[in-house]
Amino acid sequence: MFTFDVFLHSPALTTSTVYVLGAVAGLLAAIVSNVPMHRLPEGSTPPFVAAGVLTGSAPDGVDPTLASGLHYAAGILAGVFYTAVEYGIEGVTPPPELYVGGTQLPLLTHLLALLVTFVFLVGFFSYVVLPRFDSLSGSYRQIRRDWLATATTYVLALGVIVPGFLRLLI
């Protein structure tokens, strides 16, 4: 067996192709994460908070189109982040023994990259972005809880979509 890294030397899957697949997987996972985001009481708050930080506006004054676009852009960037983390972990771990079924994607690096991505998503929003709005301090707990559910959905979707893409390409 060979590792995911071997694909980097394949004409079909260059490094840039793999990062594009990570970006597309991130976009699709962001679309999947809309389900809990729109069903939870504060589920749709994070994109407005993030857009508010970028524009210097209060979250309730942010254009919904901007907040939505930022949500999808963040999903794409998180997919690229996952890909970079997966390669980084794969570069420092011993040759894998287990792979995600039929994909040549090392199971351990996949799971660790998903975990790192999840911790980054939750930590960065909850403890860097959200606290910039004191006006929401009474809702921090609920917003963080709903963001936790949304980020969990995103990472679980990413965990299925990435191997799915690779399986299609093998």
N, C-alpha and C. Protein backbone atom coordinates (compact mmCIF):
# COMPACT_ATOMS: atom_id res chain seq x y z
N MET A 1 0.84 -1.20 0.00
CA MET A 1 0.00 0.00 0.00
C MET A 1 0.88 1.25 0.00
N PHE A 2 0.31 2.33 -0.46
CA PHE A 2 1.03 3.59 -0.46
C PHE A 2 0.17 4.65 0.18
N THR A 3 0.79 5.75 0.59
CA THR A 3 0.06 6.77 1.32
C THR A 3 -0.57 7.79 0.40
N PHE A 4 -1.38 8.62 1.00
CA PHE A 4 -2.06 9.71 0.31
C PHE A 4 -1.06 10.58 -0.44
N ASP A 5 0.16 10.69 0.11
CA ASP A 5 1.20 11.52 -0.49
C ASP A 5 1.57 11.05 -1.89
N VAL A 6 1.43 9.77 -2.18
CA VAL A 6 1.76 9.26 -3.50
C VAL A 6 0.89 9.94 -4.56
N PHE A 7 -0.33 10.29 -4.20
CA PHE A 7 -1.21 10.97 -5.16
C PHE A 7 -0.63 12.30 -5.62
N LEU A 8 0.20 12.90 -4.80
CA LEU A 8 0.79 14.17 -5.19
C LEU A 8 1.68 14.02 -6.41
N HIS A 9 2.14 12.81 -6.66
CA HIS A 9 3.03 12.57 -7.79
C HIS A 9 2.26 12.03 -8.99
N SER A 10 0.96 11.88 -8.84
CA SER A 10 0.11 11.42 -9.92
C SER A 10 -0.29 12.61 -10.78
N PRO A 11 -0.33 12.43 -12.11
CA PRO A 11 -0.75 13.54 -12.97
C PRO A 11 -2.18 13.99 -12.66
N ALA A 12 -3.02 13.07 -12.19
CA ALA A 12 -4.41 13.41 -11.92
C ALA A 12 -4.56 14.24 -10.65
N LEU A 13 -3.72 14.01 -9.65
CA LEU A 13 -3.85 14.70 -8.37
C LEU A 13 -2.56 15.40 -7.98
N THR A 14 -2.38 16.57 -8.51
CA THR A 14 -1.23 17.38 -8.12
C THR A 14 -1.54 18.03 -6.78
N THR A 15 -0.57 18.67 -6.19
CA THR A 15 -0.78 19.35 -4.91
C THR A 15 -1.89 20.38 -5.03
N SER A 16 -1.86 21.15 -6.09
CA SER A 16 -2.91 22.18 -6.25
C SER A 16 -4.28 21.54 -6.44
N THR A 17 -4.34 20.41 -7.12
CA THR A 17 -5.62 19.71 -7.30
C THR A 17 -6.17 19.25 -5.96
N VAL A 18 -5.29 18.72 -5.12
CA VAL A 18 -5.73 18.24 -3.81
C VAL A 18 -6.25 19.41 -2.96
N TYR A 19 -5.59 20.56 -3.04
CA TYR A 19 -6.07 21.72 -2.28
C TYR A 19 -7.40 22.23 -2.85
N VAL A 20 -7.58 22.15 -4.14
CA VAL A 20 -8.87 22.54 -4.74
C VAL A 20 -9.96 21.57 -4.27
N LEU A 21 -9.64 20.28 -4.22
CA LEU A 21 -10.61 19.31 -3.70
C LEU A 21 -10.95 19.61 -2.24
N GLY A 22 -9.95 20.01 -1.46
CA GLY A 22 -10.19 20.39 -0.07
C GLY A 22 -11.10 21.60 0.01
N ALA A 23 -10.90 22.57 -0.88
CA ALA A 23 -11.74 23.77 -0.90
C ALA A 23 -13.18 23.42 -1.28
N VAL A 24 -13.34 22.58 -2.29
CA VAL A 24 -14.69 22.18 -2.72
C VAL A 24 -15.36 21.36 -1.63
N ALA A 25 -14.60 20.46 -0.99
CA ALA A 25 -15.16 19.69 0.12
C ALA A 25 -15.58 20.62 1.25
N GLY A 26 -14.77 21.66 1.52
CA GLY A 26 -15.12 22.64 2.54
C GLY A 26 -16.40 23.39 2.21
N LEU A 27 -16.57 23.76 0.94
CA LEU A 27 -17.80 24.44 0.51
C LEU A 27 -19.00 23.53 0.70
N LEU A 28 -18.87 22.28 0.28
CA LEU A 28 -19.99 21.35 0.45
C LEU A 28 -20.31 21.11 1.92
N ALA A 29 -19.28 21.01 2.75
CA ALA A 29 -19.51 20.83 4.19
C ALA A 29 -20.19 22.07 4.78
N ALA A 30 -19.84 23.26 4.28
CA ALA A 30 -20.51 24.49 4.75
C ALA A 30 -21.99 24.47 4.37
N ILE A 31 -22.28 23.95 3.20
CA ILE A 31 -23.69 23.83 2.78
C ILE A 31 -24.43 22.87 3.70
N VAL A 32 -23.81 21.74 4.03
CA VAL A 32 -24.42 20.77 4.95
C VAL A 32 -24.62 21.41 6.32
N SER A 33 -23.68 22.24 6.76
CA SER A 33 -23.78 22.85 8.09
C SER A 33 -24.90 23.88 8.17
N ASN A 34 -25.49 24.22 7.04
CA ASN A 34 -26.65 25.12 7.07
C ASN A 34 -27.83 24.49 7.79
N VAL A 35 -27.92 23.17 7.78
CA VAL A 35 -29.06 22.49 8.40
C VAL A 35 -29.17 22.86 9.88
N PRO A 36 -28.13 22.59 10.72
CA PRO A 36 -28.28 23.00 12.11
C PRO A 36 -28.24 24.51 12.28
N MET A 37 -27.48 25.18 11.42
CA MET A 37 -27.34 26.63 11.55
C MET A 37 -28.70 27.33 11.49
N HIS A 38 -29.55 26.87 10.62
CA HIS A 38 -30.86 27.53 10.45
C HIS A 38 -31.93 26.98 11.38
N ARG A 39 -31.63 25.92 12.11
CA ARG A 39 -32.62 25.34 13.02
C ARG A 39 -32.38 25.68 14.48
N LEU A 40 -31.18 26.13 14.80
CA LEU A 40 -30.85 26.45 16.19
C LEU A 40 -31.15 27.92 16.49
N PRO A 41 -31.49 28.23 17.75
CA PRO A 41 -31.87 29.61 18.09
C PRO A 41 -30.82 30.67 17.72
N GLU A 42 -29.55 30.38 17.96
CA GLU A 42 -28.47 31.33 17.63
C GLU A 42 -27.58 30.77 16.53
N GLY A 43 -28.08 29.79 15.79
CA GLY A 43 -27.29 29.12 14.77
C GLY A 43 -26.80 30.02 13.66
N SER A 44 -27.62 30.98 13.28
CA SER A 44 -27.21 31.85 12.18
C SER A 44 -26.45 33.09 12.66
N THR A 45 -26.21 33.21 13.94
CA THR A 45 -25.49 34.36 14.48
C THR A 45 -24.01 34.41 14.07
N PRO A 46 -23.27 33.28 14.09
CA PRO A 46 -21.83 33.35 13.79
C PRO A 46 -21.46 34.05 12.48
N PRO A 47 -22.14 33.80 11.35
CA PRO A 47 -21.74 34.52 10.14
C PRO A 47 -21.94 36.03 10.26
N PHE A 48 -22.98 36.45 10.98
CA PHE A 48 -23.22 37.88 11.17
C PHE A 48 -22.17 38.50 12.09
N VAL A 49 -21.77 37.75 13.11
CA VAL A 49 -20.72 38.23 14.01
C VAL A 49 -19.40 38.36 13.25
N ALA A 50 -19.05 37.33 12.48
CA ALA A 50 -17.80 37.37 11.71
C ALA A 50 -17.81 38.52 10.70
N ALA A 51 -18.94 38.71 10.02
CA ALA A 51 -19.06 39.81 9.05
C ALA A 51 -18.99 41.15 9.77
N GLY A 52 -19.56 41.21 10.96
CA GLY A 52 -19.49 42.44 11.75
C GLY A 52 -18.07 42.79 12.14
N VAL A 53 -17.28 41.79 12.48
CA VAL A 53 -15.87 42.03 12.81
C VAL A 53 -15.13 42.57 11.59
N LEU A 54 -15.39 41.98 10.44
CA LEU A 54 -14.68 42.40 9.22
C LEU A 54 -15.10 43.79 8.74
N THR A 55 -16.37 44.14 8.95
CA THR A 55 -16.86 45.43 8.45
C THR A 55 -16.86 46.52 9.51
N GLY A 56 -16.67 46.13 10.77
CA GLY A 56 -16.72 47.11 11.84
C GLY A 56 -18.14 47.51 12.20
N SER A 57 -19.11 46.70 11.82
CA SER A 57 -20.52 46.96 12.10
C SER A 57 -21.01 46.05 13.22
N ALA A 58 -22.14 46.41 13.78
CA ALA A 58 -22.80 45.53 14.73
C ALA A 58 -23.37 44.35 13.94
N PRO A 59 -23.40 43.15 14.54
CA PRO A 59 -23.91 41.98 13.81
C PRO A 59 -25.32 42.18 13.24
N ASP A 60 -26.17 42.91 13.97
CA ASP A 60 -27.54 43.10 13.46
C ASP A 60 -27.59 44.12 12.32
N GLY A 61 -26.49 44.80 12.04
CA GLY A 61 -26.45 45.75 10.93
C GLY A 61 -25.76 45.21 9.69
N VAL A 62 -25.39 43.93 9.73
CA VAL A 62 -24.67 43.32 8.61
C VAL A 62 -25.65 42.85 7.54
N ASP A 63 -25.29 43.07 6.30
CA ASP A 63 -26.09 42.60 5.17
C ASP A 63 -26.12 41.07 5.17
N PRO A 64 -27.30 40.45 5.11
CA PRO A 64 -27.39 38.98 5.11
C PRO A 64 -26.62 38.32 3.97
N THR A 65 -26.55 38.98 2.82
CA THR A 65 -25.81 38.41 1.70
C THR A 65 -24.32 38.35 2.03
N LEU A 66 -23.81 39.38 2.68
CA LEU A 66 -22.41 39.39 3.09
C LEU A 66 -22.15 38.29 4.12
N ALA A 67 -23.03 38.16 5.09
CA ALA A 67 -22.86 37.13 6.11
C ALA A 67 -22.88 35.73 5.49
N SER A 68 -23.78 35.52 4.56
CA SER A 68 -23.87 34.22 3.88
C SER A 68 -22.63 33.95 3.05
N GLY A 69 -22.18 34.94 2.31
CA GLY A 69 -20.97 34.79 1.50
C GLY A 69 -19.76 34.50 2.37
N LEU A 70 -19.68 35.16 3.51
CA LEU A 70 -18.57 34.93 4.43
C LEU A 70 -18.63 33.51 5.00
N HIS A 71 -19.82 33.03 5.28
CA HIS A 71 -20.00 31.66 5.78
C HIS A 71 -19.41 30.66 4.78
N TYR A 72 -19.74 30.82 3.51
CA TYR A 72 -19.24 29.89 2.49
C TYR A 72 -17.74 30.07 2.26
N ALA A 73 -17.27 31.30 2.29
CA ALA A 73 -15.83 31.54 2.14
C ALA A 73 -15.06 30.90 3.30
N ALA A 74 -15.60 31.02 4.51
CA ALA A 74 -14.96 30.40 5.67
C ALA A 74 -14.97 28.88 5.53
N GLY A 75 -16.05 28.32 4.98
CA GLY A 75 -16.10 26.88 4.74
C GLY A 75 -15.03 26.43 3.77
N ILE A 76 -14.83 27.20 2.71
CA ILE A 76 -13.80 26.90 1.72
C ILE A 76 -12.42 26.96 2.39
N LEU A 77 -12.17 28.03 3.13
CA LEU A 77 -10.86 28.17 3.80
C LEU A 77 -10.63 27.06 4.83
N ALA A 78 -11.69 26.65 5.52
CA ALA A 78 -11.54 25.57 6.50
C ALA A 78 -11.22 24.25 5.79
N GLY A 79 -11.75 24.05 4.59
CA GLY A 79 -11.41 22.86 3.80
C GLY A 79 -9.95 22.86 3.38
N VAL A 80 -9.45 24.03 3.01
CA VAL A 80 -8.03 24.17 2.67
C VAL A 80 -7.17 23.97 3.92
N PHE A 81 -7.62 24.52 5.04
CA PHE A 81 -6.92 24.35 6.32
C PHE A 81 -6.83 22.86 6.67
N TYR A 82 -7.94 22.14 6.54
CA TYR A 82 -7.95 20.69 6.80
C TYR A 82 -6.89 20.00 5.93
N THR A 83 -6.85 20.35 4.65
CA THR A 83 -5.92 19.72 3.72
C THR A 83 -4.47 19.98 4.15
N ALA A 84 -4.17 21.21 4.51
CA ALA A 84 -2.82 21.55 4.95
C ALA A 84 -2.46 20.80 6.23
N VAL A 85 -3.39 20.71 7.16
CA VAL A 85 -3.14 19.99 8.42
C VAL A 85 -2.93 18.50 8.14
N GLU A 86 -3.74 17.94 7.25
CA GLU A 86 -3.62 16.52 6.92
C GLU A 86 -2.23 16.24 6.35
N TYR A 87 -1.77 17.07 5.43
CA TYR A 87 -0.43 16.89 4.87
C TYR A 87 0.65 17.09 5.93
N GLY A 88 0.47 18.06 6.79
CA GLY A 88 1.45 18.30 7.84
C GLY A 88 1.56 17.12 8.79
N ILE A 89 0.43 16.58 9.19
CA ILE A 89 0.44 15.42 10.09
C ILE A 89 1.04 14.21 9.39
N GLU A 90 0.67 14.02 8.14
CA GLU A 90 1.18 12.87 7.39
C GLU A 90 2.70 12.94 7.24
N GLY A 91 3.21 14.16 7.17
CA GLY A 91 4.65 14.33 7.02
C GLY A 91 5.46 13.99 8.25
N VAL A 92 4.83 13.97 9.41
CA VAL A 92 5.58 13.70 10.65
C VAL A 92 5.18 12.40 11.34
N THR A 93 4.25 11.66 10.76
CA THR A 93 3.84 10.40 11.36
C THR A 93 4.46 9.23 10.59
N PRO A 94 4.59 8.09 11.24
CA PRO A 94 5.14 6.92 10.54
C PRO A 94 4.20 6.45 9.43
N PRO A 95 4.68 5.61 8.52
CA PRO A 95 3.80 5.11 7.46
C PRO A 95 2.54 4.48 8.05
N PRO A 96 1.41 4.79 7.47
CA PRO A 96 0.15 4.32 8.05
C PRO A 96 -0.09 2.82 7.84
N GLU A 97 -0.89 2.29 8.73
CA GLU A 97 -1.29 0.89 8.63
C GLU A 97 -2.75 0.78 8.23
N LEU A 98 -3.54 1.79 8.56
CA LEU A 98 -4.97 1.77 8.25
C LEU A 98 -5.32 2.93 7.33
N TYR A 99 -6.20 2.65 6.39
CA TYR A 99 -6.63 3.67 5.44
C TYR A 99 -8.15 3.76 5.47
N VAL A 100 -8.66 4.93 5.07
CA VAL A 100 -10.10 5.08 4.91
C VAL A 100 -10.46 4.24 3.70
N GLY A 101 -11.42 3.34 3.85
CA GLY A 101 -11.78 2.35 2.84
C GLY A 101 -11.68 2.78 1.39
N GLY A 102 -10.77 2.16 0.68
CA GLY A 102 -10.63 2.34 -0.75
C GLY A 102 -10.12 3.69 -1.20
N THR A 103 -9.49 4.46 -0.32
CA THR A 103 -9.08 5.81 -0.71
C THR A 103 -7.59 6.06 -0.63
N GLN A 104 -6.84 5.23 0.03
CA GLN A 104 -5.42 5.46 0.29
C GLN A 104 -5.20 6.67 1.19
N LEU A 105 -6.25 7.14 1.84
CA LEU A 105 -6.16 8.25 2.80
C LEU A 105 -5.90 7.64 4.18
N PRO A 106 -4.76 7.93 4.79
CA PRO A 106 -4.46 7.35 6.10
C PRO A 106 -5.52 7.74 7.14
N LEU A 107 -6.08 6.74 7.78
CA LEU A 107 -7.17 6.97 8.73
C LEU A 107 -6.74 7.87 9.88
N LEU A 108 -5.59 7.62 10.46
CA LEU A 108 -5.14 8.40 11.61
C LEU A 108 -4.96 9.87 11.24
N THR A 109 -4.30 10.15 10.12
CA THR A 109 -4.09 11.56 9.76
C THR A 109 -5.41 12.23 9.41
N HIS A 110 -6.31 11.50 8.80
CA HIS A 110 -7.63 12.05 8.47
C HIS A 110 -8.36 12.46 9.75
N LEU A 111 -8.39 11.56 10.72
CA LEU A 111 -9.10 11.84 11.96
C LEU A 111 -8.43 12.97 12.76
N LEU A 112 -7.11 12.96 12.80
CA LEU A 112 -6.40 14.03 13.51
C LEU A 112 -6.60 15.38 12.83
N ALA A 113 -6.57 15.41 11.51
CA ALA A 113 -6.78 16.66 10.78
C ALA A 113 -8.20 17.18 11.00
N LEU A 114 -9.16 16.28 11.06
CA LEU A 114 -10.54 16.69 11.36
C LEU A 114 -10.63 17.27 12.77
N LEU A 115 -9.97 16.63 13.72
CA LEU A 115 -9.97 17.12 15.10
C LEU A 115 -9.33 18.50 15.21
N VAL A 116 -8.18 18.68 14.57
CA VAL A 116 -7.51 19.98 14.60
C VAL A 116 -8.39 21.05 13.95
N THR A 117 -9.02 20.71 12.85
CA THR A 117 -9.91 21.65 12.16
C THR A 117 -11.07 22.04 13.07
N PHE A 118 -11.66 21.05 13.74
CA PHE A 118 -12.78 21.31 14.65
C PHE A 118 -12.36 22.23 15.80
N VAL A 119 -11.23 21.91 16.44
CA VAL A 119 -10.76 22.72 17.56
C VAL A 119 -10.48 24.15 17.10
N PHE A 120 -9.88 24.29 15.92
CA PHE A 120 -9.61 25.63 15.40
C PHE A 120 -10.90 26.39 15.14
N LEU A 121 -11.87 25.76 14.47
CA LEU A 121 -13.14 26.44 14.16
C LEU A 121 -13.84 26.91 15.43
N VAL A 122 -13.97 26.01 16.38
CA VAL A 122 -14.69 26.34 17.62
C VAL A 122 -13.90 27.36 18.44
N GLY A 123 -12.62 27.11 18.61
CA GLY A 123 -11.80 28.01 19.44
C GLY A 123 -11.67 29.40 18.86
N PHE A 124 -11.38 29.49 17.57
CA PHE A 124 -11.17 30.80 16.95
C PHE A 124 -12.44 31.64 17.01
N PHE A 125 -13.59 31.05 16.65
CA PHE A 125 -14.81 31.83 16.70
C PHE A 125 -15.20 32.16 18.14
N SER A 126 -15.19 31.16 19.00
CA SER A 126 -15.69 31.34 20.37
C SER A 126 -14.84 32.26 21.23
N TYR A 127 -13.52 32.24 21.02
CA TYR A 127 -12.65 32.98 21.92
C TYR A 127 -11.86 34.12 21.28
N VAL A 128 -11.96 34.29 19.97
CA VAL A 128 -11.31 35.41 19.31
C VAL A 128 -12.33 36.33 18.66
N VAL A 129 -13.23 35.76 17.86
CA VAL A 129 -14.19 36.58 17.11
C VAL A 129 -15.37 37.02 17.97
N LEU A 130 -16.06 36.10 18.59
CA LEU A 130 -17.28 36.42 19.35
C LEU A 130 -17.07 37.45 20.46
N PRO A 131 -16.01 37.36 21.25
CA PRO A 131 -15.83 38.33 22.34
C PRO A 131 -15.65 39.79 21.89
N ARG A 132 -15.51 40.03 20.61
CA ARG A 132 -15.37 41.40 20.13
C ARG A 132 -16.68 42.19 20.23
N PHE A 133 -17.77 41.51 20.52
CA PHE A 133 -19.06 42.17 20.65
C PHE A 133 -19.61 41.98 22.06
N ASP A 134 -19.32 42.94 22.91
CA ASP A 134 -19.82 42.90 24.29
C ASP A 134 -21.33 42.90 24.33
N SER A 135 -21.96 43.49 23.32
CA SER A 135 -23.42 43.57 23.31
C SER A 135 -24.06 42.19 23.26
N LEU A 136 -23.30 41.17 22.84
CA LEU A 136 -23.84 39.81 22.77
C LEU A 136 -23.45 38.97 23.98
N SER A 137 -22.78 39.57 24.97
CA SER A 137 -22.23 38.80 26.08
C SER A 137 -23.28 37.98 26.82
N GLY A 138 -24.50 38.46 26.88
CA GLY A 138 -25.56 37.70 27.54
C GLY A 138 -25.95 36.45 26.77
N SER A 139 -25.59 36.39 25.50
CA SER A 139 -25.94 35.25 24.64
C SER A 139 -24.74 34.38 24.31
N TYR A 140 -23.56 34.71 24.83
CA TYR A 140 -22.36 33.95 24.47
C TYR A 140 -22.55 32.45 24.63
N ARG A 141 -23.11 32.03 25.74
CA ARG A 141 -23.25 30.60 26.02
C ARG A 141 -24.09 29.90 24.95
N GLN A 142 -25.23 30.50 24.61
CA GLN A 142 -26.11 29.90 23.60
C GLN A 142 -25.47 29.95 22.22
N ILE A 143 -24.83 31.07 21.89
CA ILE A 143 -24.17 31.19 20.58
C ILE A 143 -23.06 30.16 20.46
N ARG A 144 -22.26 29.99 21.51
CA ARG A 144 -21.17 29.00 21.47
C ARG A 144 -21.72 27.59 21.36
N ARG A 145 -22.79 27.30 22.07
CA ARG A 145 -23.40 25.96 22.01
C ARG A 145 -23.90 25.67 20.60
N ASP A 146 -24.58 26.64 20.00
CA ASP A 146 -25.09 26.44 18.65
C ASP A 146 -23.95 26.36 17.63
N TRP A 147 -22.89 27.16 17.86
CA TRP A 147 -21.73 27.08 16.97
C TRP A 147 -21.05 25.73 17.10
N LEU A 148 -21.00 25.19 18.29
CA LEU A 148 -20.42 23.86 18.52
C LEU A 148 -21.17 22.81 17.69
N ALA A 149 -22.49 22.88 17.69
CA ALA A 149 -23.30 21.94 16.89
C ALA A 149 -23.06 22.13 15.40
N THR A 150 -22.98 23.38 14.97
CA THR A 150 -22.76 23.67 13.56
C THR A 150 -21.37 23.22 13.12
N ALA A 151 -20.35 23.51 13.92
CA ALA A 151 -18.98 23.10 13.59
C ALA A 151 -18.85 21.58 13.59
N THR A 152 -19.56 20.92 14.49
CA THR A 152 -19.55 19.45 14.52
C THR A 152 -20.12 18.91 13.22
N THR A 153 -21.23 19.48 12.78
CA THR A 153 -21.84 19.05 11.52
C THR A 153 -20.88 19.29 10.36
N TYR A 154 -20.23 20.45 10.35
CA TYR A 154 -19.28 20.77 9.28
C TYR A 154 -18.16 19.73 9.22
N VAL A 155 -17.55 19.44 10.36
CA VAL A 155 -16.42 18.52 10.40
C VAL A 155 -16.85 17.09 10.06
N LEU A 156 -18.01 16.68 10.52
CA LEU A 156 -18.50 15.34 10.16
C LEU A 156 -18.75 15.25 8.65
N ALA A 157 -19.33 16.29 8.08
CA ALA A 157 -19.55 16.31 6.63
C ALA A 157 -18.22 16.27 5.89
N LEU A 158 -17.27 17.06 6.34
CA LEU A 158 -15.95 17.08 5.72
C LEU A 158 -15.30 15.70 5.81
N GLY A 159 -15.51 15.04 6.95
CA GLY A 159 -14.95 13.71 7.16
C GLY A 159 -15.49 12.66 6.21
N VAL A 160 -16.66 12.90 5.66
CA VAL A 160 -17.26 11.98 4.69
C VAL A 160 -16.97 12.44 3.26
N ILE A 161 -17.02 13.72 3.02
CA ILE A 161 -16.87 14.26 1.67
C ILE A 161 -15.45 14.06 1.14
N VAL A 162 -14.43 14.30 1.95
CA VAL A 162 -13.04 14.15 1.48
C VAL A 162 -12.78 12.73 1.01
N PRO A 163 -13.05 11.70 1.82
CA PRO A 163 -12.84 10.33 1.32
C PRO A 163 -13.73 10.01 0.11
N GLY A 164 -14.92 10.58 0.09
CA GLY A 164 -15.80 10.35 -1.05
C GLY A 164 -15.19 10.86 -2.34
N PHE A 165 -14.63 12.05 -2.31
CA PHE A 165 -13.94 12.59 -3.48
C PHE A 165 -12.79 11.68 -3.90
N LEU A 166 -11.98 11.28 -2.92
CA LEU A 166 -10.83 10.44 -3.23
C LEU A 166 -11.25 9.08 -3.80
N ARG A 167 -12.31 8.57 -3.28
CA ARG A 167 -12.81 7.27 -3.78
C ARG A 167 -13.24 7.40 -5.23
N LEU A 168 -13.85 8.51 -5.57
CA LEU A 168 -14.25 8.73 -6.96
C LEU A 168 -13.05 8.83 -7.90
N LEU A 169 -11.94 9.31 -7.39
CA LEU A 169 -10.76 9.54 -8.21
C LEU A 169 -9.84 8.33 -8.32
N ILE A 170 -10.06 7.34 -7.48
CA ILE A 170 -9.16 6.18 -7.50
C ILE A 170 -9.69 5.12 -8.44
